[in-house]
Amino acid sequence: MFKDRYRQLLIICILLLFAGTANAQNYMLLWPKNKMPNSKGIAVQDSIHNQRIYRHKYPGMYAFFPSHDDNKGSAVVIFPGGGYQHLTYVLSGTQLAKWCNVMGMSAFVVNYRLPNNPDLEKRQIGPLQDAQRAMRIIRANAKQWGINPDKIGVLGTSAGGHLASTLGTHLHQDVSTLGDSLDQYSYKPDFMILISPVISMGKYAHAGSRDNLLGPNPSKALRNKYSNELQVTDETPPTFLANAFNDHTVDPHNELMFYRALLEHNISTSFHVFPQGGHGLNVRNNPGSGEYWTDLCEAWLKEMGYLQPLNKIRD
C-alpha cells in the first residue's frame, strides 16, 4: 500500500512540475496551410477561454516526449474531450500526456477541428481527417522520434473517446489522403484507451456530441455510421475501457455496448466500471476505487507488450 501511495505522489509531483509547459511545446501543423482538405477557405480566428479551445485557425498537435532513458518506444495520440463543442485541452489533454511520459510513452495532444467550425464543408468528417493525418505524421517520423511504428495507440475521453474509437473502427474510410508522401502510412491505431467515452449516436447517445458532430436531425443511416459499437470488426485494435457507474453525462451503456461488440469479435479488452467518479475520470484525485484506473491501464499496457524496454526501432 505504501508503495502504491508513494508512486501516486511521484506522479502528482511530475504532473505539477510540467503543468504549465504546454505552450513551450512546438506546435506541429497537420496540414499545409494552403492544402487543408474539407475547407471553404474561410479565415477562422482562434478562440480560447478558461483552458478550453472553442475554435482554432489551424489544426495541429503538441508533442510530449519522455526522457531518453525512460523511453519505452510506444506512443499515444490524445484527443481531448468537450462534446465536439470545445476541446478541454489541459484536463483531458496535457495532463494525460504527462502521465504517459511518466510511463515512458511519447504523447501527442491533437487540436482537431470541431464540427461547428464554419470553414468545414462536411462537418462530420473534419475531426476524423485530422485524427488520421496526425497518426500518419507520427508514423512517418517514428524512427527519429524514438517510437516503434507498431506501438502507436489512441487515448480519448468523452467526445475525444468517440473520435479515438472512430479512428479505430472506421479503418476503411480514408478521408485524409492529400497526395503527398504521408498517404503511404497507416492511420490505424495499434491500441485504444477510452475513458468515459461517447460511443453511440443512437438510444444512449450524448445528445450534445451527436448534434454537434452530425448536425440537427441526422438521418438514421448517419447515426448508425457514427455509432461505433456498430462499426467494430475483427480488425479493431485491443482496447482499454474505463468509466464510472454514476456518469450522468455520458450513459455508461455506451461503454458496455462497445465492450459487447469487441467481445463478439474476439478483440482483447480490459473493461472497468467504477462505482464513483462521475463523468471523465481524471489522472488523479478520483473518488474511491476509480483512483486506480491509471494503475490498471499501465498494467494492461505492460501485459499487452506496449510498455516493454525499447528495442532497436525498425526502418
C-alpha atoms as a PDB file:
ATOM      1  CA  MET A   1       0.000   0.000   0.000  1.00  0.00           C
ATOM      2  CA  PHE A   2       2.833   2.379   0.912  1.00  0.00           C
ATOM      3  CA  LYS A   3       4.468   1.638  -2.426  1.00  0.00           C
ATOM      4  CA  ASP A   4       1.247   2.474  -4.301  1.00  0.00           C
ATOM      5  CA  ARG A   5       0.777   5.766  -2.462  1.00  0.00           C
ATOM      6  CA  TYR A   6       4.425   6.714  -2.992  1.00  0.00           C
ATOM      7  CA  ARG A   7       4.055   6.083  -6.702  1.00  0.00           C
ATOM      8  CA  GLN A   8       0.884   8.206  -6.877  1.00  0.00           C
ATOM      9  CA  LEU A   9       2.644  11.078  -5.085  1.00  0.00           C
ATOM     10  CA  LEU A  10       5.531  10.805  -7.524  1.00  0.00           C
ATOM     11  CA  ILE A  11       3.153  11.057 -10.484  1.00  0.00           C
ATOM     12  CA  ILE A  12       1.424  14.076  -8.942  1.00  0.00           C
ATOM     13  CA  CYS A  13       4.768  15.836  -8.409  1.00  0.00           C
ATOM     14  CA  ILE A  14       5.799  15.242 -12.012  1.00  0.00           C
ATOM     15  CA  LEU A  15       2.439  16.442 -13.333  1.00  0.00           C
ATOM     16  CA  LEU A  16       2.695  19.605 -11.270  1.00  0.00           C
ATOM     17  CA  LEU A  17       6.237  20.144 -12.473  1.00  0.00           C
ATOM     18  CA  PHE A  18       5.094  20.159 -16.077  1.00  0.00           C
ATOM     19  CA  ALA A  19       1.647  21.703 -15.549  1.00  0.00           C
ATOM     20  CA  GLY A  20       2.482  24.981 -17.267  1.00  0.00           C
ATOM     21  CA  THR A  21       4.626  23.699 -20.121  1.00  0.00           C
ATOM     22  CA  ALA A  22       2.023  23.177 -22.843  1.00  0.00           C
ATOM     23  CA  ASN A  23       2.815  26.469 -24.536  1.00  0.00           C
ATOM     24  CA  ALA A  24       6.526  25.625 -24.530  1.00  0.00           C
ATOM     25  CA  GLN A  25       5.972  22.660 -26.868  1.00  0.00           C
ATOM     26  CA  ASN A  26       6.369  23.038 -30.602  1.00  0.00           C
ATOM     27  CA  TYR A  27       3.004  23.185 -32.349  1.00  0.00           C
ATOM     28  CA  MET A  28       3.046  20.967 -35.419  1.00  0.00           C
ATOM     29  CA  LEU A  29       0.517  21.784 -38.119  1.00  0.00           C
ATOM     30  CA  LEU A  30      -1.356  18.798 -39.513  1.00  0.00           C
ATOM     31  CA  TRP A  31      -1.827  20.233 -42.999  1.00  0.00           C
ATOM     32  CA  PRO A  32      -0.064  22.643 -45.334  1.00  0.00           C
ATOM     33  CA  LYS A  33      -1.855  25.956 -44.835  1.00  0.00           C
ATOM     34  CA  ASN A  34      -2.900  26.159 -48.477  1.00  0.00           C
ATOM     35  CA  LYS A  35      -3.882  22.479 -48.826  1.00  0.00           C
ATOM     36  CA  MET A  36      -6.143  21.735 -45.873  1.00  0.00           C
ATOM     37  CA  PRO A  37      -8.908  19.398 -47.089  1.00  0.00           C
ATOM     38  CA  ASN A  38     -12.585  19.940 -46.391  1.00  0.00           C
ATOM     39  CA  SER A  39     -12.032  23.696 -46.140  1.00  0.00           C
ATOM     40  CA  LYS A  40     -14.044  26.568 -47.586  1.00  0.00           C
ATOM     41  CA  GLY A  41     -11.058  28.878 -47.253  1.00  0.00           C
ATOM     42  CA  ILE A  42     -12.695  30.999 -44.545  1.00  0.00           C
ATOM     43  CA  ALA A  43     -10.301  32.879 -42.266  1.00  0.00           C
ATOM     44  CA  VAL A  44     -11.113  31.451 -38.823  1.00  0.00           C
ATOM     45  CA  GLN A  45      -9.769  33.127 -35.702  1.00  0.00           C
ATOM     46  CA  ASP A  46      -8.591  31.287 -32.593  1.00  0.00           C
ATOM     47  CA  SER A  47     -10.990  31.284 -29.639  1.00  0.00           C
ATOM     48  CA  ILE A  48      -9.613  30.051 -26.305  1.00  0.00           C
ATOM     49  CA  HIS A  49     -11.215  30.645 -22.922  1.00  0.00           C
ATOM     50  CA  ASN A  50     -10.888  29.053 -19.472  1.00  0.00           C
ATOM     51  CA  GLN A  51      -8.486  26.345 -20.714  1.00  0.00           C
ATOM     52  CA  ARG A  52     -10.881  25.387 -23.482  1.00  0.00           C
ATOM     53  CA  ILE A  53     -10.404  25.760 -27.219  1.00  0.00           C
ATOM     54  CA  TYR A  54     -13.619  26.736 -28.965  1.00  0.00           C
ATOM     55  CA  ARG A  55     -12.093  27.397 -32.350  1.00  0.00           C
ATOM     56  CA  HIS A  56      -8.627  27.443 -33.856  1.00  0.00           C
ATOM     57  CA  LYS A  57      -7.350  28.551 -37.210  1.00  0.00           C
ATOM     58  CA  TYR A  58      -5.015  25.652 -37.976  1.00  0.00           C
ATOM     59  CA  PRO A  59      -5.387  22.116 -36.556  1.00  0.00           C
ATOM     60  CA  GLY A  60      -2.184  20.692 -35.155  1.00  0.00           C
ATOM     61  CA  MET A  61      -0.647  18.827 -32.246  1.00  0.00           C
ATOM     62  CA  TYR A  62       1.766  19.242 -29.363  1.00  0.00           C
ATOM     63  CA  ALA A  63       4.400  16.571 -28.749  1.00  0.00           C
ATOM     64  CA  PHE A  64       5.435  15.413 -25.282  1.00  0.00           C
ATOM     65  CA  PHE A  65       8.421  13.066 -25.146  1.00  0.00           C
ATOM     66  CA  PRO A  66       9.792  11.068 -22.202  1.00  0.00           C
ATOM     67  CA  SER A  67      13.479  11.178 -21.374  1.00  0.00           C
ATOM     68  CA  HIS A  68      15.772   9.018 -23.486  1.00  0.00           C
ATOM     69  CA  ASP A  69      16.424   6.668 -20.565  1.00  0.00           C
ATOM     70  CA  ASP A  70      12.713   6.233 -19.775  1.00  0.00           C
ATOM     71  CA  ASN A  71      11.520   5.855 -23.359  1.00  0.00           C
ATOM     72  CA  LYS A  72       9.666   2.562 -23.964  1.00  0.00           C
ATOM     73  CA  GLY A  73       9.240   3.269 -27.674  1.00  0.00           C
ATOM     74  CA  SER A  74       5.442   3.403 -27.642  1.00  0.00           C
ATOM     75  CA  ALA A  75       3.208   6.434 -28.194  1.00  0.00           C
ATOM     76  CA  VAL A  76      -0.361   7.623 -27.762  1.00  0.00           C
ATOM     77  CA  VAL A  77      -2.302  10.157 -29.786  1.00  0.00           C
ATOM     78  CA  ILE A  78      -4.591  12.038 -27.403  1.00  0.00           C
ATOM     79  CA  PHE A  79      -7.915  13.558 -28.442  1.00  0.00           C
ATOM     80  CA  PRO A  80      -9.312  15.938 -25.796  1.00  0.00           C
ATOM     81  CA  GLY A  81     -12.995  15.821 -24.963  1.00  0.00           C
ATOM     82  CA  GLY A  82     -15.546  18.612 -24.927  1.00  0.00           C
ATOM     83  CA  GLY A  83     -18.710  17.305 -26.569  1.00  0.00           C
ATOM     84  CA  TYR A  84     -17.434  18.218 -30.067  1.00  0.00           C
ATOM     85  CA  GLN A  85     -18.184  21.796 -28.972  1.00  0.00           C
ATOM     86  CA  HIS A  86     -14.803  22.678 -27.482  1.00  0.00           C
ATOM     87  CA  LEU A  87     -11.512  20.979 -26.542  1.00  0.00           C
ATOM     88  CA  THR A  88     -10.678  20.644 -22.850  1.00  0.00           C
ATOM     89  CA  TYR A  89      -7.009  20.581 -23.763  1.00  0.00           C
ATOM     90  CA  VAL A  90      -5.497  20.657 -20.246  1.00  0.00           C
ATOM     91  CA  LEU A  91      -7.674  18.287 -18.203  1.00  0.00           C
ATOM     92  CA  SER A  92      -8.130  15.733 -20.989  1.00  0.00           C
ATOM     93  CA  GLY A  93      -5.043  16.628 -22.997  1.00  0.00           C
ATOM     94  CA  THR A  94      -1.773  17.807 -21.500  1.00  0.00           C
ATOM     95  CA  GLN A  95      -2.336  16.189 -18.085  1.00  0.00           C
ATOM     96  CA  LEU A  96      -2.849  12.829 -19.763  1.00  0.00           C
ATOM     97  CA  ALA A  97       0.230  13.426 -21.917  1.00  0.00           C
ATOM     98  CA  LYS A  98       2.425  13.974 -18.860  1.00  0.00           C
ATOM     99  CA  TRP A  99       1.064  10.819 -17.244  1.00  0.00           C
ATOM    100  CA  CYS A 100       2.005   8.927 -20.402  1.00  0.00           C
ATOM    101  CA  ASN A 101       5.502  10.408 -20.221  1.00  0.00           C
ATOM    102  CA  VAL A 102       5.840   9.078 -16.666  1.00  0.00           C
ATOM    103  CA  MET A 103       5.169   5.589 -18.063  1.00  0.00           C
ATOM    104  CA  GLY A 104       7.828   6.107 -20.743  1.00  0.00           C
ATOM    105  CA  MET A 105       5.424   6.772 -23.609  1.00  0.00           C
ATOM    106  CA  SER A 106       5.546   9.617 -26.103  1.00  0.00           C
ATOM    107  CA  ALA A 107       2.281  11.534 -26.318  1.00  0.00           C
ATOM    108  CA  PHE A 108       0.728  13.874 -28.869  1.00  0.00           C
ATOM    109  CA  VAL A 109      -2.216  16.115 -27.965  1.00  0.00           C
ATOM    110  CA  VAL A 110      -4.240  16.876 -31.090  1.00  0.00           C
ATOM    111  CA  ASN A 111      -6.173  20.113 -31.531  1.00  0.00           C
ATOM    112  CA  TYR A 112      -8.589  18.742 -34.101  1.00  0.00           C
ATOM    113  CA  ARG A 113     -11.142  20.787 -35.994  1.00  0.00           C
ATOM    114  CA  LEU A 114     -14.507  20.906 -34.308  1.00  0.00           C
ATOM    115  CA  PRO A 115     -17.645  20.186 -36.354  1.00  0.00           C
ATOM    116  CA  ASN A 116     -19.051  23.656 -35.626  1.00  0.00           C
ATOM    117  CA  ASN A 117     -16.116  25.251 -37.436  1.00  0.00           C
ATOM    118  CA  PRO A 118     -17.707  27.426 -40.170  1.00  0.00           C
ATOM    119  CA  ASP A 119     -14.817  26.623 -42.504  1.00  0.00           C
ATOM    120  CA  LEU A 120     -15.745  22.937 -42.798  1.00  0.00           C
ATOM    121  CA  GLU A 121     -17.566  21.767 -45.899  1.00  0.00           C
ATOM    122  CA  LYS A 122     -18.589  18.450 -44.285  1.00  0.00           C
ATOM    123  CA  ARG A 123     -18.790  18.799 -40.531  1.00  0.00           C
ATOM    124  CA  GLN A 124     -18.791  15.124 -39.519  1.00  0.00           C
ATOM    125  CA  ILE A 125     -15.530  14.158 -41.238  1.00  0.00           C
ATOM    126  CA  GLY A 126     -13.432  17.126 -40.066  1.00  0.00           C
ATOM    127  CA  PRO A 127     -12.294  15.602 -36.745  1.00  0.00           C
ATOM    128  CA  LEU A 128     -11.579  12.209 -38.368  1.00  0.00           C
ATOM    129  CA  GLN A 129      -9.497  13.812 -41.109  1.00  0.00           C
ATOM    130  CA  ASP A 130      -7.297  15.479 -38.515  1.00  0.00           C
ATOM    131  CA  ALA A 131      -7.053  12.279 -36.452  1.00  0.00           C
ATOM    132  CA  GLN A 132      -5.938  10.226 -39.453  1.00  0.00           C
ATOM    133  CA  ARG A 133      -3.418  12.858 -40.503  1.00  0.00           C
ATOM    134  CA  ALA A 134      -1.929  13.072 -37.007  1.00  0.00           C
ATOM    135  CA  MET A 135      -1.410   9.306 -36.925  1.00  0.00           C
ATOM    136  CA  ARG A 136       0.254   9.378 -40.348  1.00  0.00           C
ATOM    137  CA  ILE A 137       2.610  12.196 -39.325  1.00  0.00           C
ATOM    138  CA  ILE A 138       3.697  10.300 -36.214  1.00  0.00           C
ATOM    139  CA  ARG A 139       4.325   7.062 -38.114  1.00  0.00           C
ATOM    140  CA  ALA A 140       6.300   8.938 -40.769  1.00  0.00           C
ATOM    141  CA  ASN A 141       8.565  10.386 -38.064  1.00  0.00           C
ATOM    142  CA  ALA A 142       8.563   7.403 -35.718  1.00  0.00           C
ATOM    143  CA  LYS A 143      12.201   6.415 -36.143  1.00  0.00           C
ATOM    144  CA  GLN A 144      13.641   9.885 -35.489  1.00  0.00           C
ATOM    145  CA  TRP A 145      11.326  10.358 -32.504  1.00  0.00           C
ATOM    146  CA  GLY A 146      12.307   7.033 -30.923  1.00  0.00           C
ATOM    147  CA  ILE A 147       8.899   5.439 -31.476  1.00  0.00           C
ATOM    148  CA  ASN A 148       8.079   1.924 -32.621  1.00  0.00           C
ATOM    149  CA  PRO A 149       5.585   2.416 -35.501  1.00  0.00           C
ATOM    150  CA  ASP A 150       3.787  -0.762 -34.415  1.00  0.00           C
ATOM    151  CA  LYS A 151       3.105   0.569 -30.908  1.00  0.00           C
ATOM    152  CA  ILE A 152       1.132   3.751 -31.533  1.00  0.00           C
ATOM    153  CA  GLY A 153      -2.269   3.930 -29.889  1.00  0.00           C
ATOM    154  CA  VAL A 154      -5.000   6.466 -29.221  1.00  0.00           C
ATOM    155  CA  LEU A 155      -6.375   7.873 -25.982  1.00  0.00           C
ATOM    156  CA  GLY A 156      -9.628   9.780 -25.775  1.00  0.00           C
ATOM    157  CA  THR A 157     -12.047  10.930 -23.090  1.00  0.00           C
ATOM    158  CA  SER A 158     -15.738  11.741 -23.588  1.00  0.00           C
ATOM    159  CA  ALA A 159     -16.212  13.013 -27.163  1.00  0.00           C
ATOM    160  CA  GLY A 160     -12.470  12.555 -27.630  1.00  0.00           C
ATOM    161  CA  GLY A 161     -13.178   8.894 -26.911  1.00  0.00           C
ATOM    162  CA  HIS A 162     -15.674   8.904 -29.744  1.00  0.00           C
ATOM    163  CA  LEU A 163     -13.076  10.312 -32.120  1.00  0.00           C
ATOM    164  CA  ALA A 164     -10.474   7.799 -30.911  1.00  0.00           C
ATOM    165  CA  SER A 165     -12.911   4.911 -31.375  1.00  0.00           C
ATOM    166  CA  THR A 166     -13.914   6.255 -34.799  1.00  0.00           C
ATOM    167  CA  LEU A 167     -10.275   6.158 -35.853  1.00  0.00           C
ATOM    168  CA  GLY A 168     -10.067   2.573 -34.579  1.00  0.00           C
ATOM    169  CA  THR A 169     -13.272   1.307 -36.223  1.00  0.00           C
ATOM    170  CA  HIS A 170     -13.617   3.272 -39.477  1.00  0.00           C
ATOM    171  CA  LEU A 171     -10.453   1.694 -40.828  1.00  0.00           C
ATOM    172  CA  HIS A 172     -11.503   1.769 -44.470  1.00  0.00           C
ATOM    173  CA  GLN A 173     -12.866   5.309 -44.502  1.00  0.00           C
ATOM    174  CA  ASP A 174      -9.782   7.165 -45.704  1.00  0.00           C
ATOM    175  CA  VAL A 175     -10.693  10.860 -45.612  1.00  0.00           C
ATOM    176  CA  SER A 176      -7.176  12.257 -45.169  1.00  0.00           C
ATOM    177  CA  THR A 177      -5.426  11.400 -48.442  1.00  0.00           C
ATOM    178  CA  LEU A 178      -3.666  14.519 -49.687  1.00  0.00           C
ATOM    179  CA  GLY A 179      -1.449  13.190 -52.462  1.00  0.00           C
ATOM    180  CA  ASP A 180       1.771  13.647 -50.523  1.00  0.00           C
ATOM    181  CA  SER A 181       4.295  11.231 -49.002  1.00  0.00           C
ATOM    182  CA  LEU A 182       2.212  10.731 -45.836  1.00  0.00           C
ATOM    183  CA  ASP A 183      -0.502   8.870 -47.732  1.00  0.00           C
ATOM    184  CA  GLN A 184       1.624   5.697 -47.638  1.00  0.00           C
ATOM    185  CA  TYR A 185       1.438   5.462 -43.820  1.00  0.00           C
ATOM    186  CA  SER A 186      -1.334   3.669 -41.961  1.00  0.00           C
ATOM    187  CA  TYR A 187      -3.654   5.621 -39.689  1.00  0.00           C
ATOM    188  CA  LYS A 188      -4.824   2.504 -37.821  1.00  0.00           C
ATOM    189  CA  PRO A 189      -4.104   2.691 -34.080  1.00  0.00           C
ATOM    190  CA  ASP A 190      -2.417  -0.335 -32.519  1.00  0.00           C
ATOM    191  CA  PHE A 191      -4.461   0.001 -29.326  1.00  0.00           C
ATOM    192  CA  MET A 192      -7.145   2.237 -27.829  1.00  0.00           C
ATOM    193  CA  ILE A 193      -7.612   3.725 -24.356  1.00  0.00           C
ATOM    194  CA  LEU A 194     -11.148   5.086 -23.983  1.00  0.00           C
ATOM    195  CA  ILE A 195     -12.123   6.903 -20.780  1.00  0.00           C
ATOM    196  CA  SER A 196     -15.797   7.796 -20.173  1.00  0.00           C
ATOM    197  CA  PRO A 197     -16.226   7.574 -23.951  1.00  0.00           C
ATOM    198  CA  VAL A 198     -19.047   8.695 -26.171  1.00  0.00           C
ATOM    199  CA  ILE A 199     -19.611   5.710 -28.459  1.00  0.00           C
ATOM    200  CA  SER A 200     -23.167   5.587 -29.753  1.00  0.00           C
ATOM    201  CA  MET A 201     -25.272   8.060 -31.710  1.00  0.00           C
ATOM    202  CA  GLY A 202     -28.424   6.027 -31.031  1.00  0.00           C
ATOM    203  CA  LYS A 203     -30.605   5.459 -27.960  1.00  0.00           C
ATOM    204  CA  TYR A 204     -27.851   6.159 -25.420  1.00  0.00           C
ATOM    205  CA  ALA A 205     -26.195   8.990 -27.317  1.00  0.00           C
ATOM    206  CA  HIS A 206     -24.833  12.051 -25.601  1.00  0.00           C
ATOM    207  CA  ALA A 207     -27.179  14.499 -27.314  1.00  0.00           C
ATOM    208  CA  GLY A 208     -24.712  17.374 -27.389  1.00  0.00           C
ATOM    209  CA  SER A 209     -21.948  15.338 -29.004  1.00  0.00           C
ATOM    210  CA  ARG A 210     -24.370  13.841 -31.517  1.00  0.00           C
ATOM    211  CA  ASP A 211     -25.891  17.151 -32.555  1.00  0.00           C
ATOM    212  CA  ASN A 212     -22.536  18.923 -32.718  1.00  0.00           C
ATOM    213  CA  LEU A 213     -20.990  16.176 -34.845  1.00  0.00           C
ATOM    214  CA  LEU A 214     -23.867  15.230 -37.121  1.00  0.00           C
ATOM    215  CA  GLY A 215     -25.993  18.358 -37.078  1.00  0.00           C
ATOM    216  CA  PRO A 216     -29.666  18.672 -36.108  1.00  0.00           C
ATOM    217  CA  ASN A 217     -31.988  15.786 -37.013  1.00  0.00           C
ATOM    218  CA  PRO A 218     -29.379  13.455 -38.556  1.00  0.00           C
ATOM    219  CA  SER A 219     -30.687  10.550 -40.599  1.00  0.00           C
ATOM    220  CA  LYS A 220     -30.759   7.049 -39.148  1.00  0.00           C
ATOM    221  CA  ALA A 221     -28.093   5.977 -41.622  1.00  0.00           C
ATOM    222  CA  LEU A 222     -25.778   8.753 -40.448  1.00  0.00           C
ATOM    223  CA  ARG A 223     -26.442   7.972 -36.775  1.00  0.00           C
ATOM    224  CA  ASN A 224     -25.665   4.296 -37.392  1.00  0.00           C
ATOM    225  CA  LYS A 225     -22.487   5.127 -39.303  1.00  0.00           C
ATOM    226  CA  TYR A 226     -21.071   7.035 -36.336  1.00  0.00           C
ATOM    227  CA  SER A 227     -22.403   4.640 -33.689  1.00  0.00           C
ATOM    228  CA  ASN A 228     -19.080   2.937 -33.260  1.00  0.00           C
ATOM    229  CA  GLU A 229     -20.430  -0.101 -31.458  1.00  0.00           C
ATOM    230  CA  LEU A 230     -21.922  -0.967 -34.868  1.00  0.00           C
ATOM    231  CA  GLN A 231     -18.593  -0.481 -36.662  1.00  0.00           C
ATOM    232  CA  VAL A 232     -16.454  -2.952 -34.704  1.00  0.00           C
ATOM    233  CA  THR A 233     -14.815  -5.638 -36.866  1.00  0.00           C
ATOM    234  CA  ASP A 234     -12.137  -8.281 -36.441  1.00  0.00           C
ATOM    235  CA  GLU A 235      -9.624  -5.540 -37.340  1.00  0.00           C
ATOM    236  CA  THR A 236     -10.497  -3.284 -34.401  1.00  0.00           C
ATOM    237  CA  PRO A 237      -7.457  -2.895 -32.101  1.00  0.00           C
ATOM    238  CA  PRO A 238      -7.237  -4.091 -28.462  1.00  0.00           C
ATOM    239  CA  THR A 239      -8.972  -1.688 -26.110  1.00  0.00           C
ATOM    240  CA  PHE A 240      -8.878  -0.474 -22.511  1.00  0.00           C
ATOM    241  CA  LEU A 241     -12.242   0.875 -21.315  1.00  0.00           C
ATOM    242  CA  ALA A 242     -12.917   2.763 -18.073  1.00  0.00           C
ATOM    243  CA  ASN A 243     -15.924   4.678 -16.807  1.00  0.00           C
ATOM    244  CA  ALA A 244     -17.923   5.371 -13.643  1.00  0.00           C
ATOM    245  CA  PHE A 245     -21.315   3.886 -12.833  1.00  0.00           C
ATOM    246  CA  ASN A 246     -22.539   7.326 -11.755  1.00  0.00           C
ATOM    247  CA  ASP A 247     -21.623   9.064 -15.014  1.00  0.00           C
ATOM    248  CA  HIS A 248     -24.785  11.089 -15.627  1.00  0.00           C
ATOM    249  CA  THR A 249     -23.383  12.914 -18.655  1.00  0.00           C
ATOM    250  CA  VAL A 250     -22.484  10.035 -20.964  1.00  0.00           C
ATOM    251  CA  ASP A 251     -24.554   6.950 -20.216  1.00  0.00           C
ATOM    252  CA  PRO A 252     -22.267   4.002 -19.312  1.00  0.00           C
ATOM    253  CA  HIS A 253     -24.273   1.905 -21.774  1.00  0.00           C
ATOM    254  CA  ASN A 254     -22.009   3.480 -24.398  1.00  0.00           C
ATOM    255  CA  GLU A 255     -19.022   1.665 -22.948  1.00  0.00           C
ATOM    256  CA  LEU A 256     -20.993  -1.522 -22.326  1.00  0.00           C
ATOM    257  CA  MET A 257     -22.245  -1.735 -25.920  1.00  0.00           C
ATOM    258  CA  PHE A 258     -18.739  -1.200 -27.240  1.00  0.00           C
ATOM    259  CA  TYR A 259     -17.383  -3.910 -24.936  1.00  0.00           C
ATOM    260  CA  ARG A 260     -20.037  -6.350 -26.135  1.00  0.00           C
ATOM    261  CA  ALA A 261     -19.167  -5.623 -29.759  1.00  0.00           C
ATOM    262  CA  LEU A 262     -15.463  -6.133 -29.061  1.00  0.00           C
ATOM    263  CA  LEU A 263     -16.252  -9.386 -27.259  1.00  0.00           C
ATOM    264  CA  GLU A 264     -18.324 -10.642 -30.201  1.00  0.00           C
ATOM    265  CA  HIS A 265     -15.336 -10.051 -32.496  1.00  0.00           C
ATOM    266  CA  ASN A 266     -12.851 -11.635 -30.089  1.00  0.00           C
ATOM    267  CA  ILE A 267     -10.966  -8.360 -29.539  1.00  0.00           C
ATOM    268  CA  SER A 268      -8.871  -8.355 -26.359  1.00  0.00           C
ATOM    269  CA  THR A 269     -10.406  -5.825 -23.966  1.00  0.00           C
ATOM    270  CA  SER A 270      -9.880  -4.628 -20.404  1.00  0.00           C
ATOM    271  CA  PHE A 271     -13.265  -3.350 -19.204  1.00  0.00           C
ATOM    272  CA  HIS A 272     -13.831  -1.346 -15.989  1.00  0.00           C
ATOM    273  CA  VAL A 273     -16.811   0.453 -14.468  1.00  0.00           C
ATOM    274  CA  PHE A 274     -16.088   2.046 -11.085  1.00  0.00           C
ATOM    275  CA  PRO A 275     -18.846   2.913  -8.577  1.00  0.00           C
ATOM    276  CA  GLN A 276     -17.862   6.590  -8.374  1.00  0.00           C
ATOM    277  CA  GLY A 277     -16.158   9.183 -10.499  1.00  0.00           C
ATOM    278  CA  GLY A 278     -18.917  10.883 -12.472  1.00  0.00           C
ATOM    279  CA  HIS A 279     -18.071  11.924 -15.993  1.00  0.00           C
ATOM    280  CA  GLY A 280     -14.458  11.965 -17.027  1.00  0.00           C
ATOM    281  CA  LEU A 281     -12.116  10.073 -14.717  1.00  0.00           C
ATOM    282  CA  ASN A 282      -9.074  12.238 -14.034  1.00  0.00           C
ATOM    283  CA  VAL A 283      -5.397  11.327 -13.833  1.00  0.00           C
ATOM    284  CA  ARG A 284      -5.575  11.864 -10.065  1.00  0.00           C
ATOM    285  CA  ASN A 285      -7.992  12.710  -7.222  1.00  0.00           C
ATOM    286  CA  ASN A 286     -10.727  10.304  -8.299  1.00  0.00           C
ATOM    287  CA  PRO A 287     -13.088   9.056  -5.579  1.00  0.00           C
ATOM    288  CA  GLY A 288     -12.897   5.510  -4.294  1.00  0.00           C
ATOM    289  CA  SER A 289     -11.521   2.710  -6.434  1.00  0.00           C
ATOM    290  CA  GLY A 290     -11.624   4.936  -9.528  1.00  0.00           C
ATOM    291  CA  GLU A 291      -8.288   6.325  -8.304  1.00  0.00           C
ATOM    292  CA  TYR A 292      -6.671   3.124  -9.564  1.00  0.00           C
ATOM    293  CA  TRP A 293      -7.722   3.260 -13.200  1.00  0.00           C
ATOM    294  CA  THR A 294      -4.307   4.626 -14.196  1.00  0.00           C
ATOM    295  CA  ASP A 295      -2.549   1.732 -12.428  1.00  0.00           C
ATOM    296  CA  LEU A 296      -4.839  -0.760 -14.156  1.00  0.00           C
ATOM    297  CA  CYS A 297      -4.236   0.880 -17.511  1.00  0.00           C
ATOM    298  CA  GLU A 298      -0.467   0.811 -17.038  1.00  0.00           C
ATOM    299  CA  ALA A 299      -0.612  -2.865 -16.042  1.00  0.00           C
ATOM    300  CA  TRP A 300      -2.679  -3.594 -19.170  1.00  0.00           C
ATOM    301  CA  LEU A 301      -0.221  -1.765 -21.411  1.00  0.00           C
ATOM    302  CA  LYS A 302       2.615  -3.834 -19.949  1.00  0.00           C
ATOM    303  CA  GLU A 303       0.660  -7.067 -20.248  1.00  0.00           C
ATOM    304  CA  MET A 304      -0.144  -6.338 -23.904  1.00  0.00           C
ATOM    305  CA  GLY A 305       3.511  -5.584 -24.678  1.00  0.00           C
ATOM    306  CA  TYR A 306       3.168  -1.846 -25.275  1.00  0.00           C
ATOM    307  CA  LEU A 307       5.393  -0.871 -22.344  1.00  0.00           C
ATOM    308  CA  GLN A 308       8.419  -3.057 -22.863  1.00  0.00           C
ATOM    309  CA  PRO A 309      12.070  -1.914 -22.833  1.00  0.00           C
ATOM    310  CA  LEU A 310      12.882  -0.119 -26.067  1.00  0.00           C
ATOM    311  CA  ASN A 311      14.474  -2.305 -28.724  1.00  0.00           C
ATOM    312  CA  LYS A 312      16.004  -1.160 -31.971  1.00  0.00           C
ATOM    313  CA  ILE A 313      13.400   0.753 -33.948  1.00  0.00           C
ATOM    314  CA  ARG A 314      12.857  -0.827 -37.325  1.00  0.00           C
ATOM    315  CA  ASP A 315      13.233   1.215 -40.511  1.00  0.00           C
END
